[in-house]
N, C-alpha and C. Protein backbone atom coordinates (compact mmCIF):
# COMPACT_ATOMS: atom_id res chain seq x y z
N MET A 1 119.48 43.56 2.21
CA MET A 1 119.17 43.33 3.59
C MET A 1 119.03 41.82 3.78
N SER A 2 119.64 41.32 4.84
CA SER A 2 119.61 39.89 5.08
C SER A 2 118.27 39.45 5.66
N PHE A 3 118.04 38.18 5.58
CA PHE A 3 116.82 37.61 6.11
C PHE A 3 116.71 37.87 7.61
N LEU A 4 117.82 37.72 8.34
CA LEU A 4 117.80 37.94 9.79
C LEU A 4 117.46 39.38 10.15
N SER A 5 118.02 40.34 9.45
CA SER A 5 117.72 41.74 9.78
C SER A 5 116.27 42.07 9.44
N ARG A 6 115.74 41.49 8.35
CA ARG A 6 114.32 41.71 8.03
C ARG A 6 113.43 41.10 9.10
N ALA A 7 113.79 39.89 9.54
CA ALA A 7 113.01 39.21 10.58
C ALA A 7 113.06 40.00 11.89
N ALA A 8 114.23 40.52 12.24
CA ALA A 8 114.37 41.31 13.46
C ALA A 8 113.54 42.59 13.37
N GLY A 9 113.54 43.22 12.21
CA GLY A 9 112.73 44.43 12.02
C GLY A 9 111.25 44.14 12.14
N LEU A 10 110.81 43.02 11.58
CA LEU A 10 109.42 42.62 11.64
C LEU A 10 109.00 42.33 13.09
N VAL A 11 109.87 41.62 13.81
CA VAL A 11 109.58 41.30 15.22
C VAL A 11 109.52 42.60 16.03
N GLY A 12 110.43 43.52 15.77
CA GLY A 12 110.43 44.80 16.47
C GLY A 12 109.15 45.58 16.23
N ARG A 13 108.73 45.65 14.97
CA ARG A 13 107.49 46.36 14.65
C ARG A 13 106.28 45.67 15.28
N ALA A 14 106.27 44.35 15.26
CA ALA A 14 105.16 43.61 15.87
C ALA A 14 105.12 43.85 17.38
N SER A 15 106.28 43.97 18.01
CA SER A 15 106.33 44.25 19.46
C SER A 15 105.75 45.61 19.77
N VAL A 16 106.09 46.60 18.96
CA VAL A 16 105.57 47.95 19.16
C VAL A 16 104.06 47.95 19.00
N VAL A 17 103.56 47.25 18.00
CA VAL A 17 102.12 47.17 17.77
C VAL A 17 101.44 46.47 18.95
N ALA A 18 102.04 45.40 19.45
CA ALA A 18 101.46 44.66 20.57
C ALA A 18 101.42 45.52 21.83
N VAL A 19 102.50 46.24 22.12
CA VAL A 19 102.53 47.12 23.29
C VAL A 19 101.50 48.23 23.12
N GLY A 20 101.43 48.82 21.94
CA GLY A 20 100.45 49.87 21.67
C GLY A 20 99.03 49.38 21.85
N ALA A 21 98.75 48.18 21.37
CA ALA A 21 97.41 47.61 21.51
C ALA A 21 97.09 47.35 22.98
N SER A 22 98.08 46.89 23.73
CA SER A 22 97.88 46.64 25.15
C SER A 22 97.58 47.93 25.91
N VAL A 23 98.33 48.99 25.63
CA VAL A 23 98.10 50.28 26.28
C VAL A 23 96.73 50.83 25.88
N ALA A 24 96.38 50.74 24.60
CA ALA A 24 95.08 51.21 24.14
C ALA A 24 93.95 50.46 24.83
N SER A 25 94.11 49.16 24.98
CA SER A 25 93.11 48.36 25.66
C SER A 25 92.97 48.79 27.12
N THR A 26 94.10 49.03 27.78
CA THR A 26 94.08 49.46 29.17
C THR A 26 93.39 50.81 29.32
N VAL A 27 93.66 51.71 28.39
CA VAL A 27 93.01 53.04 28.42
C VAL A 27 91.51 52.90 28.25
N LEU A 28 91.06 52.07 27.31
CA LEU A 28 89.63 51.88 27.09
C LEU A 28 88.96 51.27 28.31
N VAL A 29 89.62 50.30 28.93
CA VAL A 29 89.08 49.69 30.15
C VAL A 29 89.00 50.75 31.25
N GLY A 30 90.03 51.60 31.35
CA GLY A 30 90.04 52.66 32.35
C GLY A 30 88.91 53.65 32.15
N ILE A 31 88.65 54.02 30.91
CA ILE A 31 87.55 54.94 30.63
C ILE A 31 86.23 54.31 31.07
N ASP A 32 86.07 53.02 30.80
CA ASP A 32 84.85 52.32 31.19
C ASP A 32 84.73 52.23 32.71
N GLN A 33 85.83 51.87 33.39
CA GLN A 33 85.80 51.73 34.85
C GLN A 33 85.58 53.08 35.52
N ARG A 34 86.15 54.13 34.96
CA ARG A 34 86.04 55.47 35.53
C ARG A 34 84.58 55.93 35.58
N ARG A 35 83.80 55.56 34.56
CA ARG A 35 82.40 56.01 34.48
C ARG A 35 81.59 55.60 35.69
N GLY A 36 81.74 54.36 36.11
CA GLY A 36 80.90 53.86 37.19
C GLY A 36 81.49 54.00 38.58
N ALA A 37 82.71 54.48 38.69
CA ALA A 37 83.38 54.52 39.99
C ALA A 37 83.22 55.88 40.67
N THR A 38 83.11 55.81 41.96
CA THR A 38 83.13 57.03 42.77
C THR A 38 84.20 56.85 43.83
N PRO A 39 84.86 57.94 44.21
CA PRO A 39 85.89 57.81 45.25
C PRO A 39 85.30 57.26 46.54
N ALA A 40 86.12 56.50 47.26
CA ALA A 40 85.69 55.82 48.48
C ALA A 40 85.68 56.79 49.66
N VAL A 41 84.71 57.71 49.67
CA VAL A 41 84.53 58.64 50.79
C VAL A 41 83.25 58.23 51.51
N PRO A 42 83.30 58.12 52.83
CA PRO A 42 82.10 57.73 53.57
C PRO A 42 80.92 58.65 53.26
N ASP A 43 79.72 58.08 53.32
CA ASP A 43 78.52 58.80 52.92
C ASP A 43 77.89 59.55 54.11
N HIS A 44 78.62 60.53 54.63
CA HIS A 44 78.08 61.45 55.62
C HIS A 44 78.89 62.74 55.54
N PRO A 45 78.38 63.83 56.09
CA PRO A 45 79.02 65.13 55.87
C PRO A 45 80.31 65.38 56.65
N GLY A 46 80.72 64.52 57.55
CA GLY A 46 81.94 64.73 58.32
C GLY A 46 81.63 65.46 59.61
N PRO A 47 82.55 65.63 60.48
CA PRO A 47 83.96 65.26 60.33
C PRO A 47 84.12 63.74 60.30
N TYR A 48 85.21 63.33 59.67
CA TYR A 48 85.46 61.90 59.47
C TYR A 48 86.37 61.36 60.56
N SER A 49 86.13 60.13 60.93
CA SER A 49 86.87 59.49 62.02
C SER A 49 88.28 59.11 61.58
N PRO A 50 89.18 58.87 62.54
CA PRO A 50 90.52 58.39 62.18
C PRO A 50 90.47 57.10 61.35
N GLY A 51 89.54 56.21 61.65
CA GLY A 51 89.42 54.97 60.89
C GLY A 51 89.02 55.20 59.44
N GLU A 52 88.14 56.17 59.22
CA GLU A 52 87.72 56.49 57.86
C GLU A 52 88.87 57.14 57.08
N ARG A 53 89.65 57.96 57.75
CA ARG A 53 90.80 58.60 57.09
C ARG A 53 91.89 57.57 56.79
N GLU A 54 92.07 56.60 57.69
CA GLU A 54 93.02 55.52 57.43
C GLU A 54 92.56 54.70 56.22
N ALA A 55 91.26 54.45 56.11
CA ALA A 55 90.72 53.69 54.98
C ALA A 55 91.00 54.41 53.66
N ALA A 56 90.96 55.74 53.65
CA ALA A 56 91.28 56.50 52.43
C ALA A 56 92.72 56.23 52.00
N ALA A 57 93.65 56.27 52.97
CA ALA A 57 95.06 56.00 52.65
C ALA A 57 95.25 54.55 52.19
N ARG A 58 94.55 53.63 52.82
CA ARG A 58 94.68 52.21 52.44
C ARG A 58 94.11 51.95 51.03
N THR A 59 93.11 52.72 50.62
CA THR A 59 92.59 52.59 49.26
C THR A 59 93.70 52.92 48.26
N TYR A 60 94.47 53.96 48.55
CA TYR A 60 95.61 54.31 47.70
C TYR A 60 96.64 53.17 47.67
N LEU A 61 96.96 52.60 48.83
CA LEU A 61 97.94 51.50 48.89
C LEU A 61 97.44 50.30 48.09
N THR A 62 96.15 50.02 48.14
CA THR A 62 95.57 48.93 47.35
C THR A 62 95.76 49.19 45.87
N ALA A 63 95.55 50.44 45.45
CA ALA A 63 95.66 50.80 44.03
C ALA A 63 97.09 50.66 43.51
N LEU A 64 98.09 50.66 44.40
CA LEU A 64 99.48 50.46 43.95
C LEU A 64 99.68 49.07 43.34
N THR A 65 98.91 48.10 43.81
CA THR A 65 99.05 46.73 43.29
C THR A 65 97.83 46.26 42.51
N LEU A 66 96.74 46.99 42.59
CA LEU A 66 95.50 46.61 41.91
C LEU A 66 94.98 47.80 41.11
N PRO A 67 95.34 47.89 39.83
CA PRO A 67 95.01 49.07 39.02
C PRO A 67 93.52 49.43 38.99
N ALA A 68 92.64 48.46 39.07
CA ALA A 68 91.21 48.75 39.01
C ALA A 68 90.75 49.59 40.20
N ALA A 69 91.51 49.60 41.30
CA ALA A 69 91.14 50.37 42.49
C ALA A 69 91.45 51.86 42.33
N ALA A 70 92.14 52.24 41.27
CA ALA A 70 92.56 53.63 41.07
C ALA A 70 91.39 54.59 41.09
N TRP A 71 90.27 54.19 40.57
CA TRP A 71 89.11 55.09 40.45
C TRP A 71 88.41 55.29 41.78
N ARG A 72 88.73 54.49 42.79
CA ARG A 72 88.11 54.60 44.11
C ARG A 72 88.94 55.44 45.08
N VAL A 73 90.17 55.79 44.71
CA VAL A 73 91.03 56.55 45.61
C VAL A 73 90.46 57.97 45.76
N PRO A 74 90.24 58.41 47.01
CA PRO A 74 89.62 59.72 47.23
C PRO A 74 90.63 60.88 47.20
N PHE A 75 91.09 61.23 46.03
CA PHE A 75 92.01 62.35 45.87
C PHE A 75 91.24 63.67 45.85
N ALA A 76 91.81 64.70 46.45
CA ALA A 76 91.31 66.06 46.26
C ALA A 76 91.68 66.47 44.84
N PRO A 77 90.92 67.34 44.18
CA PRO A 77 91.21 67.70 42.78
C PRO A 77 92.64 68.19 42.54
N ASP A 78 93.20 68.92 43.51
CA ASP A 78 94.55 69.48 43.32
C ASP A 78 95.63 68.70 44.07
N CYS A 79 95.39 67.43 44.34
CA CYS A 79 96.34 66.60 45.09
C CYS A 79 97.72 66.58 44.41
N ALA A 80 98.75 66.69 45.21
CA ALA A 80 100.13 66.62 44.71
C ALA A 80 100.84 65.46 45.39
N ARG A 81 101.73 64.78 44.65
CA ARG A 81 102.52 63.69 45.22
C ARG A 81 103.99 64.01 45.02
N HIS A 82 104.77 63.79 46.07
CA HIS A 82 106.22 63.99 46.01
C HIS A 82 106.90 62.69 46.42
N GLU A 83 107.92 62.29 45.68
CA GLU A 83 108.74 61.13 46.03
C GLU A 83 110.16 61.62 46.27
N ASN A 84 110.64 61.44 47.49
CA ASN A 84 111.98 61.89 47.87
C ASN A 84 112.23 63.32 47.42
N GLY A 85 111.23 64.17 47.58
CA GLY A 85 111.35 65.59 47.25
C GLY A 85 111.00 65.97 45.83
N LEU A 86 110.88 65.02 44.93
CA LEU A 86 110.57 65.30 43.52
C LEU A 86 109.06 65.17 43.30
N ARG A 87 108.45 66.18 42.70
CA ARG A 87 107.00 66.12 42.45
C ARG A 87 106.70 65.13 41.34
N THR A 88 105.84 64.14 41.66
CA THR A 88 105.48 63.11 40.69
C THR A 88 103.98 63.03 40.45
N GLY A 89 103.20 63.83 41.17
CA GLY A 89 101.75 63.81 41.00
C GLY A 89 101.23 65.22 40.88
N PHE A 90 100.34 65.43 39.89
CA PHE A 90 99.89 66.77 39.54
C PHE A 90 98.38 66.88 39.46
N GLY A 91 97.67 66.32 40.40
CA GLY A 91 96.22 66.41 40.41
C GLY A 91 95.56 65.04 40.41
N ALA A 92 94.29 65.02 40.83
CA ALA A 92 93.56 63.77 40.99
C ALA A 92 93.47 62.96 39.70
N SER A 93 93.17 63.61 38.60
CA SER A 93 93.00 62.89 37.34
C SER A 93 94.30 62.20 36.92
N GLN A 94 95.40 62.93 36.95
CA GLN A 94 96.69 62.36 36.55
C GLN A 94 97.10 61.23 37.49
N LEU A 95 96.89 61.39 38.80
CA LEU A 95 97.26 60.35 39.75
C LEU A 95 96.43 59.08 39.54
N ARG A 96 95.14 59.25 39.28
CA ARG A 96 94.30 58.06 39.04
C ARG A 96 94.71 57.34 37.76
N TRP A 97 94.99 58.11 36.70
CA TRP A 97 95.41 57.46 35.46
C TRP A 97 96.76 56.76 35.63
N ASP A 98 97.69 57.36 36.38
CA ASP A 98 98.97 56.70 36.64
C ASP A 98 98.76 55.38 37.36
N LEU A 99 97.90 55.39 38.38
CA LEU A 99 97.62 54.16 39.11
C LEU A 99 96.94 53.13 38.22
N HIS A 100 95.99 53.59 37.39
CA HIS A 100 95.27 52.65 36.54
C HIS A 100 96.15 52.07 35.43
N LEU A 101 96.89 52.92 34.73
CA LEU A 101 97.74 52.42 33.64
C LEU A 101 98.87 51.56 34.19
N HIS A 102 99.28 51.84 35.42
CA HIS A 102 100.16 50.95 36.19
C HIS A 102 101.57 50.82 35.61
N LEU A 103 101.98 51.74 34.74
CA LEU A 103 103.29 51.60 34.10
C LEU A 103 104.42 51.61 35.12
N GLN A 104 104.49 52.65 35.97
CA GLN A 104 105.58 52.72 36.92
C GLN A 104 105.37 51.83 38.14
N TYR A 105 104.17 51.30 38.32
CA TYR A 105 103.88 50.46 39.48
C TYR A 105 103.89 48.97 39.14
N SER A 106 104.08 48.62 37.89
CA SER A 106 103.98 47.22 37.47
C SER A 106 105.06 46.34 38.09
N ALA A 107 106.15 46.93 38.56
CA ALA A 107 107.21 46.13 39.19
C ALA A 107 106.86 45.74 40.62
N ILE A 108 105.82 46.33 41.19
CA ILE A 108 105.44 46.02 42.57
C ILE A 108 104.68 44.70 42.60
N ARG A 109 105.22 43.74 43.34
CA ARG A 109 104.55 42.44 43.49
C ARG A 109 103.60 42.46 44.68
N GLU A 110 104.06 43.05 45.79
CA GLU A 110 103.20 43.11 46.97
C GLU A 110 103.67 44.20 47.92
N ILE A 111 102.80 44.55 48.82
CA ILE A 111 103.11 45.50 49.89
C ILE A 111 102.96 44.75 51.19
N THR A 112 103.99 44.80 52.04
CA THR A 112 103.96 44.06 53.29
C THR A 112 104.29 44.99 54.46
N ASP A 113 104.17 44.47 55.66
CA ASP A 113 104.55 45.18 56.89
C ASP A 113 103.94 46.57 56.98
N ILE A 114 102.67 46.68 56.68
CA ILE A 114 102.01 47.99 56.69
C ILE A 114 101.70 48.40 58.12
N ALA A 115 102.16 49.59 58.49
CA ALA A 115 101.83 50.20 59.78
C ALA A 115 101.30 51.60 59.50
N VAL A 116 100.09 51.88 59.96
CA VAL A 116 99.45 53.17 59.69
C VAL A 116 99.20 53.89 61.02
N THR A 117 99.54 55.16 61.05
CA THR A 117 99.31 56.02 62.21
C THR A 117 98.50 57.23 61.75
N VAL A 118 97.39 57.47 62.40
CA VAL A 118 96.56 58.63 62.08
C VAL A 118 96.85 59.72 63.11
N ASP A 119 97.08 60.93 62.62
CA ASP A 119 97.39 62.09 63.46
C ASP A 119 98.55 61.81 64.42
N PRO A 120 99.75 61.52 63.88
CA PRO A 120 100.90 61.35 64.77
C PRO A 120 101.06 62.59 65.65
N PRO A 121 101.69 62.47 66.81
CA PRO A 121 101.81 63.62 67.72
C PRO A 121 102.33 64.87 67.01
N GLY A 122 101.58 65.96 67.15
CA GLY A 122 101.96 67.24 66.56
C GLY A 122 101.73 67.36 65.07
N ARG A 123 101.04 66.38 64.45
CA ARG A 123 100.84 66.39 63.00
C ARG A 123 99.39 66.09 62.66
N GLU A 124 98.49 66.94 63.13
CA GLU A 124 97.06 66.75 62.90
C GLU A 124 96.75 66.81 61.40
N GLY A 125 95.88 65.90 60.95
CA GLY A 125 95.49 65.85 59.55
C GLY A 125 96.37 64.94 58.71
N ILE A 126 97.40 64.37 59.32
CA ILE A 126 98.33 63.48 58.60
C ILE A 126 97.99 62.02 58.91
N VAL A 127 98.00 61.21 57.87
CA VAL A 127 97.93 59.76 58.01
C VAL A 127 99.28 59.24 57.52
N HIS A 128 100.05 58.64 58.43
CA HIS A 128 101.39 58.16 58.09
C HIS A 128 101.33 56.65 57.85
N ALA A 129 101.88 56.22 56.71
CA ALA A 129 101.96 54.79 56.39
C ALA A 129 103.42 54.42 56.22
N ASP A 130 103.81 53.34 56.86
CA ASP A 130 105.18 52.82 56.79
C ASP A 130 105.05 51.38 56.31
N PHE A 131 105.69 51.04 55.17
CA PHE A 131 105.50 49.70 54.62
C PHE A 131 106.70 49.30 53.76
N THR A 132 106.71 48.04 53.36
CA THR A 132 107.74 47.50 52.49
C THR A 132 107.12 47.13 51.15
N LEU A 133 107.76 47.58 50.07
CA LEU A 133 107.37 47.17 48.72
C LEU A 133 108.27 46.01 48.32
N VAL A 134 107.69 44.98 47.78
CA VAL A 134 108.46 43.86 47.24
C VAL A 134 108.25 43.88 45.73
N THR A 135 109.35 43.94 44.98
CA THR A 135 109.25 44.02 43.53
C THR A 135 109.15 42.63 42.91
N ALA A 136 108.83 42.61 41.64
CA ALA A 136 108.68 41.35 40.90
C ALA A 136 109.98 40.55 40.88
N VAL A 137 111.12 41.22 40.99
CA VAL A 137 112.41 40.51 40.98
C VAL A 137 112.94 40.27 42.39
N GLY A 138 112.11 40.56 43.42
CA GLY A 138 112.48 40.26 44.79
C GLY A 138 113.18 41.38 45.55
N LEU A 139 113.46 42.51 44.91
CA LEU A 139 114.06 43.63 45.63
C LEU A 139 113.03 44.22 46.59
N LYS A 140 113.53 44.76 47.70
CA LYS A 140 112.63 45.37 48.68
C LYS A 140 112.98 46.84 48.84
N ALA A 141 111.95 47.64 49.03
CA ALA A 141 112.14 49.06 49.30
C ALA A 141 111.28 49.43 50.49
N ARG A 142 111.84 50.23 51.38
CA ARG A 142 111.10 50.73 52.54
C ARG A 142 110.46 52.05 52.14
N VAL A 143 109.17 52.20 52.39
CA VAL A 143 108.44 53.40 52.00
C VAL A 143 107.77 53.99 53.23
N ARG A 144 107.92 55.29 53.38
CA ARG A 144 107.24 56.05 54.42
C ARG A 144 106.46 57.15 53.71
N GLU A 145 105.13 57.09 53.82
CA GLU A 145 104.30 58.08 53.14
C GLU A 145 103.44 58.84 54.15
N ASP A 146 103.42 60.15 53.98
CA ASP A 146 102.54 61.01 54.76
C ASP A 146 101.44 61.51 53.84
N PHE A 147 100.20 61.18 54.20
CA PHE A 147 99.03 61.61 53.46
C PHE A 147 98.39 62.75 54.23
N LEU A 148 98.14 63.88 53.58
CA LEU A 148 97.37 64.94 54.20
C LEU A 148 95.91 64.66 53.91
N ILE A 149 95.19 64.18 54.95
CA ILE A 149 93.78 63.81 54.82
C ILE A 149 93.03 64.48 55.98
N PRO A 150 92.51 65.67 55.76
CA PRO A 150 91.81 66.38 56.83
C PRO A 150 90.52 65.67 57.23
N ALA A 151 90.17 65.81 58.51
CA ALA A 151 88.93 65.21 59.02
C ALA A 151 87.70 65.85 58.39
N GLU A 152 87.84 67.06 57.86
CA GLU A 152 86.69 67.78 57.30
C GLU A 152 86.18 67.17 56.00
N ASP A 153 87.08 66.63 55.15
CA ASP A 153 86.59 66.12 53.85
C ASP A 153 87.03 64.70 53.51
N CYS A 154 87.97 64.13 54.25
CA CYS A 154 88.43 62.75 54.04
C CYS A 154 89.00 62.52 52.64
N LEU A 155 89.55 63.57 52.02
CA LEU A 155 90.19 63.47 50.71
C LEU A 155 91.70 63.58 50.88
N ILE A 156 92.44 62.90 50.01
CA ILE A 156 93.90 62.98 50.04
C ILE A 156 94.31 64.26 49.31
N HIS A 157 94.86 65.22 50.06
CA HIS A 157 95.28 66.50 49.49
C HIS A 157 96.73 66.48 49.04
N SER A 158 97.56 65.69 49.70
CA SER A 158 98.95 65.55 49.27
C SER A 158 99.52 64.25 49.81
N ILE A 159 100.55 63.78 49.10
CA ILE A 159 101.28 62.57 49.50
C ILE A 159 102.76 62.90 49.44
N ASP A 160 103.44 62.66 50.54
CA ASP A 160 104.89 62.85 50.58
C ASP A 160 105.52 61.50 50.87
N ALA A 161 106.18 60.92 49.86
CA ALA A 161 106.76 59.59 49.99
C ALA A 161 108.27 59.68 50.11
N ARG A 162 108.80 58.90 51.04
CA ARG A 162 110.24 58.75 51.18
C ARG A 162 110.55 57.27 50.98
N ILE A 163 111.36 57.00 49.95
CA ILE A 163 111.61 55.62 49.53
C ILE A 163 113.10 55.34 49.67
N SER A 164 113.41 54.19 50.28
CA SER A 164 114.80 53.77 50.40
C SER A 164 114.89 52.28 50.12
N LEU A 165 115.99 51.85 49.55
CA LEU A 165 116.17 50.43 49.24
C LEU A 165 116.41 49.64 50.51
N GLY A 166 115.95 48.39 50.48
CA GLY A 166 116.08 47.52 51.64
C GLY A 166 114.92 47.72 52.59
N SER A 167 114.84 46.87 53.59
CA SER A 167 113.77 47.02 54.57
C SER A 167 114.40 47.30 55.92
N ALA A 168 113.81 48.21 56.64
CA ALA A 168 114.31 48.59 57.96
C ALA A 168 113.40 48.01 59.02
N PRO A 169 113.95 47.75 60.19
CA PRO A 169 113.08 47.29 61.27
C PRO A 169 112.07 48.37 61.62
N ARG A 170 110.89 47.97 62.05
CA ARG A 170 109.84 48.92 62.38
C ARG A 170 110.25 49.83 63.51
N GLY A 171 109.91 51.11 63.34
CA GLY A 171 110.14 52.06 64.39
C GLY A 171 111.59 52.51 64.52
N GLY A 172 112.44 52.06 63.67
CA GLY A 172 113.86 52.45 63.79
C GLY A 172 114.48 52.69 62.45
N SER A 173 115.74 53.02 62.48
CA SER A 173 116.46 53.24 61.24
C SER A 173 117.24 51.98 60.90
N ARG A 174 117.72 51.92 59.69
CA ARG A 174 118.48 50.76 59.26
C ARG A 174 119.80 50.70 59.98
N ALA A 175 120.19 49.52 60.37
CA ALA A 175 121.46 49.36 61.10
C ALA A 175 122.60 49.11 60.13
């Protein structure tokens, strides 16, 4: 075996160890953060106002770019998330860990052009968010998410996300 192939193998193994240590560290931090965190639900029995329900959805949007906020997102225990029809979320615990570990969200640099509508006409209990994701490499994606957040408990019961590349003008379709 040549010196170069040995060196490449050593670098490869060191990379795997470094990534593993990073993930392990993130998990340990998450376990610690989870202990002291409570979901961001207002401290009264309800019904909850449109502003409080909007705040629940915005907590989720914050957690997309700030992993430490994952433990504050007020998910219902059986919350489901769908992206373009494909189920990607299977309960509060899994969704919080996904947000905290941040693996699939690490490419998101920022969220811009956020427009939130609570209870759109004919859709009671829905909080609709329309926004643009900007990735670390500058690509933009238009996201439309419907959160089922009933006034009775102010918890996110489901998220239906529709994601498309590029950004569309507000209130309309792409030209």
